[in-house]
Amino acid sequence: MGRWYFVGEFSPSWVCGTLWVDCCLWPPAQTINFYFLPPRFRVVYINVITVVWDTYLAHLKHNDDSHIELLSDSCAVVVQLPSAQPVEEKI
């Protein structure tokens, strides 16, 4: 495997979405880290946040969303549920 296997395909929407989540995750995480946590817990806290971030990136890279139908220009997911059958009451 070459190094490009790990890079994968880049699209502007993927990069913008990842950058948006990155900017929403790391500044608050570092604010909590430096203002509220004692120094002895900072490394453990950042390691937990890093595991969450790496899991998110792995999900983006290996996600097969062919079974999800997205509405155009929306983040809503269309889900078709089976029709409910009325329950017969036994008296």
PDB file of N, CA and C in Angstrom:
ATOM      1  N   MET A   1       0.838  -1.188   0.000  1.00  0.00           N
ATOM      2  CA  MET A   1       0.000   0.000   0.000  1.00  0.00           C
ATOM      3  C   MET A   1       0.875   1.240   0.000  1.00  0.00           C
ATOM      4  N   GLY A   2       0.559   2.125  -0.846  1.00  0.00           N
ATOM      5  CA  GLY A   2       1.277   3.387  -0.867  1.00  0.00           C
ATOM      6  C   GLY A   2       0.644   4.376   0.087  1.00  0.00           C
ATOM      7  N   ARG A   3       1.260   5.504   0.216  1.00  0.00           N
ATOM      8  CA  ARG A   3       0.729   6.506   1.146  1.00  0.00           C
ATOM      9  C   ARG A   3      -0.593   7.088   0.670  1.00  0.00           C
ATOM     10  N   TRP A   4      -0.891   7.002  -0.627  1.00  0.00           N
ATOM     11  CA  TRP A   4      -2.138   7.570  -1.136  1.00  0.00           C
ATOM     12  C   TRP A   4      -3.342   6.738  -0.741  1.00  0.00           C
ATOM     13  N   TYR A   5      -3.136   5.486  -0.308  1.00  0.00           N
ATOM     14  CA  TYR A   5      -4.249   4.699   0.196  1.00  0.00           C
ATOM     15  C   TYR A   5      -4.875   5.362   1.419  1.00  0.00           C
ATOM     16  N   PHE A   6      -4.038   5.932   2.240  1.00  0.00           N
ATOM     17  CA  PHE A   6      -4.523   6.547   3.468  1.00  0.00           C
ATOM     18  C   PHE A   6      -5.150   7.907   3.221  1.00  0.00           C
ATOM     19  N   VAL A   7      -4.786   8.532   2.123  1.00  0.00           N
ATOM     20  CA  VAL A   7      -5.353   9.847   1.807  1.00  0.00           C
ATOM     21  C   VAL A   7      -6.756   9.688   1.260  1.00  0.00           C
ATOM     22  N   GLY A   8      -6.959   8.766   0.344  1.00  0.00           N
ATOM     23  CA  GLY A   8      -8.279   8.549  -0.225  1.00  0.00           C
ATOM     24  C   GLY A   8      -8.648   9.640  -1.210  1.00  0.00           C
ATOM     25  N   GLU A   9      -9.926   9.750  -1.489  1.00  0.00           N
ATOM     26  CA  GLU A   9     -10.417  10.754  -2.419  1.00  0.00           C
ATOM     27  C   GLU A   9     -10.861  11.985  -1.639  1.00  0.00           C
ATOM     28  N   PHE A  10     -10.437  13.138  -2.120  1.00  0.00           N
ATOM     29  CA  PHE A  10     -10.842  14.383  -1.492  1.00  0.00           C
ATOM     30  C   PHE A  10     -11.860  15.082  -2.379  1.00  0.00           C
ATOM     31  N   SER A  11     -12.885  15.582  -1.752  1.00  0.00           N
ATOM     32  CA  SER A  11     -13.832  16.441  -2.456  1.00  0.00           C
ATOM     33  C   SER A  11     -13.975  17.708  -1.628  1.00  0.00           C
ATOM     34  N   PRO A  12     -14.290  18.815  -2.258  1.00  0.00           N
ATOM     35  CA  PRO A  12     -14.418  20.062  -1.493  1.00  0.00           C
ATOM     36  C   PRO A  12     -15.451  19.973  -0.380  1.00  0.00           C
ATOM     37  N   SER A  13     -16.551  19.264  -0.604  1.00  0.00           N
ATOM     38  CA  SER A  13     -17.567  19.162   0.448  1.00  0.00           C
ATOM     39  C   SER A  13     -17.045  18.346   1.629  1.00  0.00           C
ATOM     40  N   TRP A  14     -16.256  17.294   1.347  1.00  0.00           N
ATOM     41  CA  TRP A  14     -15.689  16.477   2.423  1.00  0.00           C
ATOM     42  C   TRP A  14     -14.702  17.284   3.239  1.00  0.00           C
ATOM     43  N   VAL A  15     -13.852  18.042   2.558  1.00  0.00           N
ATOM     44  CA  VAL A  15     -12.848  18.845   3.262  1.00  0.00           C
ATOM     45  C   VAL A  15     -13.525  19.943   4.078  1.00  0.00           C
ATOM     46  N   CYS A  16     -14.514  20.612   3.507  1.00  0.00           N
ATOM     47  CA  CYS A  16     -15.210  21.681   4.234  1.00  0.00           C
ATOM     48  C   CYS A  16     -15.972  21.125   5.429  1.00  0.00           C
ATOM     49  N   GLY A  17     -16.610  19.986   5.260  1.00  0.00           N
ATOM     50  CA  GLY A  17     -17.337  19.386   6.371  1.00  0.00           C
ATOM     51  C   GLY A  17     -16.413  18.946   7.488  1.00  0.00           C
ATOM     52  N   THR A  18     -15.271  18.363   7.124  1.00  0.00           N
ATOM     53  CA  THR A  18     -14.303  17.933   8.126  1.00  0.00           C
ATOM     54  C   THR A  18     -13.695  19.130   8.839  1.00  0.00           C
ATOM     55  N   LEU A  19     -13.404  20.172   8.094  1.00  0.00           N
ATOM     56  CA  LEU A  19     -12.857  21.387   8.705  1.00  0.00           C
ATOM     57  C   LEU A  19     -13.867  22.019   9.657  1.00  0.00           C
ATOM     58  N   TRP A  20     -15.142  21.988   9.298  1.00  0.00           N
ATOM     59  CA  TRP A  20     -16.184  22.539  10.154  1.00  0.00           C
ATOM     60  C   TRP A  20     -16.257  21.770  11.477  1.00  0.00           C
ATOM     61  N   VAL A  21     -16.260  20.446  11.403  1.00  0.00           N
ATOM     62  CA  VAL A  21     -16.308  19.633  12.621  1.00  0.00           C
ATOM     63  C   VAL A  21     -15.038  19.827  13.436  1.00  0.00           C
ATOM     64  N   ASP A  22     -13.907  19.947  12.755  1.00  0.00           N
ATOM     65  CA  ASP A  22     -12.639  20.192  13.435  1.00  0.00           C
ATOM     66  C   ASP A  22     -12.689  21.494  14.232  1.00  0.00           C
ATOM     67  N   CYS A  23     -13.219  22.534  13.628  1.00  0.00           N
ATOM     68  CA  CYS A  23     -13.308  23.830  14.317  1.00  0.00           C
ATOM     69  C   CYS A  23     -14.354  23.828  15.428  1.00  0.00           C
ATOM     70  N   CYS A  24     -15.318  22.939  15.340  1.00  0.00           N
ATOM     71  CA  CYS A  24     -16.318  22.832  16.410  1.00  0.00           C
ATOM     72  C   CYS A  24     -15.844  21.947  17.556  1.00  0.00           C
ATOM     73  N   LEU A  25     -14.889  21.063  17.292  1.00  0.00           N
ATOM     74  CA  LEU A  25     -14.434  20.127  18.317  1.00  0.00           C
ATOM     75  C   LEU A  25     -13.231  20.640  19.096  1.00  0.00           C
ATOM     76  N   TRP A  26     -12.172  21.025  18.398  1.00  0.00           N
ATOM     77  CA  TRP A  26     -10.909  21.280  19.083  1.00  0.00           C
ATOM     78  C   TRP A  26     -10.846  22.569  19.894  1.00  0.00           C
ATOM     79  N   PRO A  27     -11.342  23.707  19.449  1.00  0.00           N
ATOM     80  CA  PRO A  27     -11.272  24.895  20.324  1.00  0.00           C
ATOM     81  C   PRO A  27     -12.007  24.724  21.657  1.00  0.00           C
ATOM     82  N   PRO A  28     -13.251  24.194  21.666  1.00  0.00           N
ATOM     83  CA  PRO A  28     -13.878  23.969  22.975  1.00  0.00           C
ATOM     84  C   PRO A  28     -13.144  22.919  23.806  1.00  0.00           C
ATOM     85  N   ALA A  29     -12.637  21.879  23.148  1.00  0.00           N
ATOM     86  CA  ALA A  29     -11.908  20.842  23.886  1.00  0.00           C
ATOM     87  C   ALA A  29     -10.651  21.418  24.531  1.00  0.00           C
ATOM     88  N   GLN A  30      -9.920  22.250  23.802  1.00  0.00           N
ATOM     89  CA  GLN A  30      -8.709  22.845  24.371  1.00  0.00           C
ATOM     90  C   GLN A  30      -9.038  23.894  25.424  1.00  0.00           C
ATOM     91  N   THR A  31     -10.160  24.584  25.265  1.00  0.00           N
ATOM     92  CA  THR A  31     -10.579  25.544  26.290  1.00  0.00           C
ATOM     93  C   THR A  31     -10.867  24.824  27.603  1.00  0.00           C
ATOM     94  N   ILE A  32     -11.603  23.736  27.512  1.00  0.00           N
ATOM     95  CA  ILE A  32     -11.870  22.935  28.712  1.00  0.00           C
ATOM     96  C   ILE A  32     -10.565  22.403  29.288  1.00  0.00           C
ATOM     97  N   ASN A  33      -9.691  21.960  28.403  1.00  0.00           N
ATOM     98  CA  ASN A  33      -8.424  21.375  28.830  1.00  0.00           C
ATOM     99  C   ASN A  33      -7.578  22.365  29.631  1.00  0.00           C
ATOM    100  N   PHE A  34      -7.419  23.578  29.145  1.00  0.00           N
ATOM    101  CA  PHE A  34      -6.510  24.517  29.791  1.00  0.00           C
ATOM    102  C   PHE A  34      -7.140  25.331  30.915  1.00  0.00           C
ATOM    103  N   TYR A  35      -8.452  25.526  30.867  1.00  0.00           N
ATOM    104  CA  TYR A  35      -9.076  26.354  31.899  1.00  0.00           C
ATOM    105  C   TYR A  35      -9.638  25.565  33.081  1.00  0.00           C
ATOM    106  N   PHE A  36     -10.092  24.356  32.840  1.00  0.00           N
ATOM    107  CA  PHE A  36     -10.832  23.651  33.881  1.00  0.00           C
ATOM    108  C   PHE A  36     -10.147  22.391  34.419  1.00  0.00           C
ATOM    109  N   LEU A  37      -9.224  21.821  33.681  1.00  0.00           N
ATOM    110  CA  LEU A  37      -8.609  20.572  34.121  1.00  0.00           C
ATOM    111  C   LEU A  37      -7.265  20.821  34.798  1.00  0.00           C
ATOM    112  N   PRO A  38      -6.992  20.092  35.859  1.00  0.00           N
ATOM    113  CA  PRO A  38      -5.658  20.178  36.451  1.00  0.00           C
ATOM    114  C   PRO A  38      -4.638  19.543  35.506  1.00  0.00           C
ATOM    115  N   PRO A  39      -3.389  19.961  35.599  1.00  0.00           N
ATOM    116  CA  PRO A  39      -2.368  19.464  34.661  1.00  0.00           C
ATOM    117  C   PRO A  39      -2.231  17.944  34.618  1.00  0.00           C
ATOM    118  N   ARG A  40      -2.481  17.252  35.693  1.00  0.00           N
ATOM    119  CA  ARG A  40      -2.293  15.805  35.683  1.00  0.00           C
ATOM    120  C   ARG A  40      -3.335  15.071  34.841  1.00  0.00           C
ATOM    121  N   PHE A  41      -4.483  15.702  34.544  1.00  0.00           N
ATOM    122  CA  PHE A  41      -5.523  15.058  33.742  1.00  0.00           C
ATOM    123  C   PHE A  41      -5.530  15.520  32.286  1.00  0.00           C
ATOM    124  N   ARG A  42      -4.706  16.481  31.918  1.00  0.00           N
ATOM    125  CA  ARG A  42      -4.769  17.061  30.575  1.00  0.00           C
ATOM    126  C   ARG A  42      -4.401  16.072  29.478  1.00  0.00           C
ATOM    127  N   VAL A  43      -3.388  15.285  29.683  1.00  0.00           N
ATOM    128  CA  VAL A  43      -2.964  14.337  28.651  1.00  0.00           C
ATOM    129  C   VAL A  43      -4.033  13.268  28.431  1.00  0.00           C
ATOM    130  N   VAL A  44      -4.598  12.758  29.498  1.00  0.00           N
ATOM    131  CA  VAL A  44      -5.641  11.734  29.375  1.00  0.00           C
ATOM    132  C   VAL A  44      -6.861  12.310  28.662  1.00  0.00           C
ATOM    133  N   TYR A  45      -7.255  13.514  29.024  1.00  0.00           N
ATOM    134  CA  TYR A  45      -8.415  14.155  28.401  1.00  0.00           C
ATOM    135  C   TYR A  45      -8.196  14.347  26.896  1.00  0.00           C
ATOM    136  N   ILE A  46      -7.041  14.862  26.503  1.00  0.00           N
ATOM    137  CA  ILE A  46      -6.771  15.087  25.083  1.00  0.00           C
ATOM    138  C   ILE A  46      -6.670  13.762  24.341  1.00  0.00           C
ATOM    139  N   ASN A  47      -6.155  12.729  24.985  1.00  0.00           N
ATOM    140  CA  ASN A  47      -6.111  11.416  24.340  1.00  0.00           C
ATOM    141  C   ASN A  47      -7.512  10.876  24.079  1.00  0.00           C
ATOM    142  N   VAL A  48      -8.438  11.092  24.998  1.00  0.00           N
ATOM    143  CA  VAL A  48      -9.827  10.653  24.781  1.00  0.00           C
ATOM    144  C   VAL A  48     -10.453  11.431  23.627  1.00  0.00           C
ATOM    145  N   ILE A  49     -10.241  12.739  23.594  1.00  0.00           N
ATOM    146  CA  ILE A  49     -10.775  13.553  22.494  1.00  0.00           C
ATOM    147  C   ILE A  49     -10.145  13.130  21.168  1.00  0.00           C
ATOM    148  N   THR A  50      -8.872  12.794  21.171  1.00  0.00           N
ATOM    149  CA  THR A  50      -8.194  12.352  19.956  1.00  0.00           C
ATOM    150  C   THR A  50      -8.753  11.019  19.460  1.00  0.00           C
ATOM    151  N   VAL A  51      -9.087  10.113  20.362  1.00  0.00           N
ATOM    152  CA  VAL A  51      -9.697   8.849  19.951  1.00  0.00           C
ATOM    153  C   VAL A  51     -11.046   9.110  19.294  1.00  0.00           C
ATOM    154  N   VAL A  52     -11.832  10.019  19.860  1.00  0.00           N
ATOM    155  CA  VAL A  52     -13.123  10.381  19.264  1.00  0.00           C
ATOM    156  C   VAL A  52     -12.911  10.981  17.878  1.00  0.00           C
ATOM    157  N   TRP A  53     -11.946  11.878  17.736  1.00  0.00           N
ATOM    158  CA  TRP A  53     -11.667  12.526  16.452  1.00  0.00           C
ATOM    159  C   TRP A  53     -11.190  11.508  15.420  1.00  0.00           C
ATOM    160  N   ASP A  54     -10.285  10.621  15.805  1.00  0.00           N
ATOM    161  CA  ASP A  54      -9.788   9.613  14.878  1.00  0.00           C
ATOM    162  C   ASP A  54     -10.885   8.642  14.456  1.00  0.00           C
ATOM    163  N   THR A  55     -11.778   8.311  15.384  1.00  0.00           N
ATOM    164  CA  THR A  55     -12.905   7.443  15.046  1.00  0.00           C
ATOM    165  C   THR A  55     -13.822   8.126  14.041  1.00  0.00           C
ATOM    166  N   TYR A  56     -14.049   9.413  14.223  1.00  0.00           N
ATOM    167  CA  TYR A  56     -14.871  10.179  13.279  1.00  0.00           C
ATOM    168  C   TYR A  56     -14.233  10.191  11.889  1.00  0.00           C
ATOM    169  N   LEU A  57     -12.925  10.429  11.819  1.00  0.00           N
ATOM    170  CA  LEU A  57     -12.245  10.458  10.524  1.00  0.00           C
ATOM    171  C   LEU A  57     -12.260   9.078   9.861  1.00  0.00           C
ATOM    172  N   ALA A  58     -12.080   8.019  10.640  1.00  0.00           N
ATOM    173  CA  ALA A  58     -12.138   6.672  10.083  1.00  0.00           C
ATOM    174  C   ALA A  58     -13.542   6.355   9.570  1.00  0.00           C
ATOM    175  N   HIS A  59     -14.546   6.824  10.295  1.00  0.00           N
ATOM    176  CA  HIS A  59     -15.928   6.629   9.844  1.00  0.00           C
ATOM    177  C   HIS A  59     -16.164   7.334   8.513  1.00  0.00           C
ATOM    178  N   LEU A  60     -15.648   8.538   8.371  1.00  0.00           N
ATOM    179  CA  LEU A  60     -15.810   9.257   7.110  1.00  0.00           C
ATOM    180  C   LEU A  60     -15.114   8.544   5.963  1.00  0.00           C
ATOM    181  N   LYS A  61     -13.932   8.024   6.214  1.00  0.00           N
ATOM    182  CA  LYS A  61     -13.175   7.381   5.153  1.00  0.00           C
ATOM    183  C   LYS A  61     -13.793   6.059   4.721  1.00  0.00           C
ATOM    184  N   HIS A  62     -14.279   5.274   5.664  1.00  0.00           N
ATOM    185  CA  HIS A  62     -14.741   3.927   5.358  1.00  0.00           C
ATOM    186  C   HIS A  62     -16.251   3.777   5.374  1.00  0.00           C
ATOM    187  N   ASN A  63     -16.986   4.874   5.453  1.00  0.00           N
ATOM    188  CA  ASN A  63     -18.443   4.807   5.509  1.00  0.00           C
ATOM    189  C   ASN A  63     -19.004   4.452   4.141  1.00  0.00           C
ATOM    190  N   ASP A  64     -19.870   3.481   4.118  1.00  0.00           N
ATOM    191  CA  ASP A  64     -20.596   3.117   2.904  1.00  0.00           C
ATOM    192  C   ASP A  64     -22.032   3.554   3.100  1.00  0.00           C
ATOM    193  N   ASP A  65     -22.337   4.758   2.637  1.00  0.00           N
ATOM    194  CA  ASP A  65     -23.673   5.303   2.865  1.00  0.00           C
ATOM    195  C   ASP A  65     -24.578   5.091   1.660  1.00  0.00           C
ATOM    196  N   SER A  66     -24.355   4.020   0.912  1.00  0.00           N
ATOM    197  CA  SER A  66     -25.197   3.753  -0.241  1.00  0.00           C
ATOM    198  C   SER A  66     -26.611   3.360   0.173  1.00  0.00           C
ATOM    199  N   HIS A  67     -26.794   2.933   1.439  1.00  0.00           N
ATOM    200  CA  HIS A  67     -28.122   2.525   1.897  1.00  0.00           C
ATOM    201  C   HIS A  67     -28.904   3.695   2.496  1.00  0.00           C
ATOM    202  N   ILE A  68     -28.306   4.870   2.549  1.00  0.00           N
ATOM    203  CA  ILE A  68     -28.974   6.047   3.102  1.00  0.00           C
ATOM    204  C   ILE A  68     -29.324   6.985   1.964  1.00  0.00           C
ATOM    205  N   GLU A  69     -30.569   7.369   1.918  1.00  0.00           N
ATOM    206  CA  GLU A  69     -31.020   8.293   0.890  1.00  0.00           C
ATOM    207  C   GLU A  69     -31.172   9.671   1.522  1.00  0.00           C
ATOM    208  N   LEU A  70     -30.383  10.617   1.058  1.00  0.00           N
ATOM    209  CA  LEU A  70     -30.455  11.959   1.600  1.00  0.00           C
ATOM    210  C   LEU A  70     -31.296  12.838   0.699  1.00  0.00           C
ATOM    211  N   LEU A  71     -32.062  13.719   1.290  1.00  0.00           N
ATOM    212  CA  LEU A  71     -32.813  14.684   0.521  1.00  0.00           C
ATOM    213  C   LEU A  71     -31.846  15.715  -0.038  1.00  0.00           C
ATOM    214  N   SER A  72     -32.110  16.202  -1.218  1.00  0.00           N
ATOM    215  CA  SER A  72     -31.220  17.189  -1.806  1.00  0.00           C
ATOM    216  C   SER A  72     -31.271  18.474  -0.996  1.00  0.00           C
ATOM    217  N   ASP A  73     -30.097  19.094  -0.810  1.00  0.00           N
ATOM    218  CA  ASP A  73     -29.932  20.339  -0.062  1.00  0.00           C
ATOM    219  C   ASP A  73     -30.448  20.230   1.370  1.00  0.00           C
ATOM    220  N   SER A  74     -30.329  19.081   1.968  1.00  0.00           N
ATOM    221  CA  SER A  74     -30.795  18.895   3.323  1.00  0.00           C
ATOM    222  C   SER A  74     -29.997  17.782   3.977  1.00  0.00           C
ATOM    223  N   CYS A  75     -30.010  17.759   5.279  1.00  0.00           N
ATOM    224  CA  CYS A  75     -29.350  16.684   6.014  1.00  0.00           C
ATOM    225  C   CYS A  75     -30.359  15.689   6.556  1.00  0.00           C
ATOM    226  N   ALA A  76     -31.589  15.807   6.155  1.00  0.00           N
ATOM    227  CA  ALA A  76     -32.619  14.895   6.642  1.00  0.00           C
ATOM    228  C   ALA A  76     -32.468  13.540   5.968  1.00  0.00           C
ATOM    229  N   VAL A  77     -32.682  12.496   6.697  1.00  0.00           N
ATOM    230  CA  VAL A  77     -32.590  11.136   6.176  1.00  0.00           C
ATOM    231  C   VAL A  77     -33.997  10.595   5.993  1.00  0.00           C
ATOM    232  N   VAL A  78     -34.246  10.012   4.843  1.00  0.00           N
ATOM    233  CA  VAL A  78     -35.552   9.429   4.552  1.00  0.00           C
ATOM    234  C   VAL A  78     -35.538   7.990   5.038  1.00  0.00           C
ATOM    235  N   VAL A  79     -36.449   7.670   5.935  1.00  0.00           N
ATOM    236  CA  VAL A  79     -36.541   6.323   6.488  1.00  0.00           C
ATOM    237  C   VAL A  79     -37.948   5.807   6.224  1.00  0.00           C
ATOM    238  N   GLN A  80     -38.040   4.637   5.634  1.00  0.00           N
ATOM    239  CA  GLN A  80     -39.343   4.035   5.388  1.00  0.00           C
ATOM    240  C   GLN A  80     -39.562   2.947   6.415  1.00  0.00           C
ATOM    241  N   LEU A  81     -40.562   3.137   7.256  1.00  0.00           N
ATOM    242  CA  LEU A  81     -40.893   2.165   8.289  1.00  0.00           C
ATOM    243  C   LEU A  81     -42.032   1.288   7.801  1.00  0.00           C
ATOM    244  N   PRO A  82     -42.059   0.028   8.213  1.00  0.00           N
ATOM    245  CA  PRO A  82     -43.186  -0.816   7.822  1.00  0.00           C
ATOM    246  C   PRO A  82     -44.466  -0.292   8.462  1.00  0.00           C
ATOM    247  N   SER A  83     -45.551  -0.497   7.758  1.00  0.00           N
ATOM    248  CA  SER A  83     -46.831  -0.013   8.292  1.00  0.00           C
ATOM    249  C   SER A  83     -47.201  -0.794   9.536  1.00  0.00           C
ATOM    250  N   ALA A  84     -47.745  -0.087  10.486  1.00  0.00           N
ATOM    251  CA  ALA A  84     -48.118  -0.711  11.764  1.00  0.00           C
ATOM    252  C   ALA A  84     -49.471  -1.402  11.624  1.00  0.00           C
ATOM    253  N   GLN A  85     -49.564  -2.583  12.195  1.00  0.00           N
ATOM    254  CA  GLN A  85     -50.811  -3.326  12.203  1.00  0.00           C
ATOM    255  C   GLN A  85     -51.514  -3.072  13.522  1.00  0.00           C
ATOM    256  N   PRO A  86     -52.826  -2.834  13.504  1.00  0.00           N
ATOM    257  CA  PRO A  86     -53.530  -2.627  14.767  1.00  0.00           C
ATOM    258  C   PRO A  86     -53.505  -3.899  15.616  1.00  0.00           C
ATOM    259  N   VAL A  87     -53.417  -3.698  16.896  1.00  0.00           N
ATOM    260  CA  VAL A  87     -53.392  -4.811  17.833  1.00  0.00           C
ATOM    261  C   VAL A  87     -54.825  -5.157  18.213  1.00  0.00           C
ATOM    262  N   GLU A  88     -55.145  -6.441  18.143  1.00  0.00           N
ATOM    263  CA  GLU A  88     -56.487  -6.881  18.521  1.00  0.00           C
ATOM    264  C   GLU A  88     -56.568  -6.971  20.035  1.00  0.00           C
ATOM    265  N   GLU A  89     -57.616  -6.420  20.571  1.00  0.00           N
ATOM    266  CA  GLU A  89     -57.821  -6.487  22.014  1.00  0.00           C
ATOM    267  C   GLU A  89     -58.578  -7.760  22.363  1.00  0.00           C
ATOM    268  N   LYS A  90     -58.048  -8.457  23.338  1.00  0.00           N
ATOM    269  CA  LYS A  90     -58.706  -9.680  23.795  1.00  0.00           C
ATOM    270  C   LYS A  90     -59.347  -9.389  25.146  1.00  0.00           C
ATOM    271  N   ILE A  91     -60.670  -9.518  25.185  1.00  0.00           N
ATOM    272  CA  ILE A  91     -61.391  -9.242  26.416  1.00  0.00           C
ATOM    273  C   ILE A  91     -61.950 -10.512  26.980  1.00  0.00           C
TER     274      ILE A  91
END
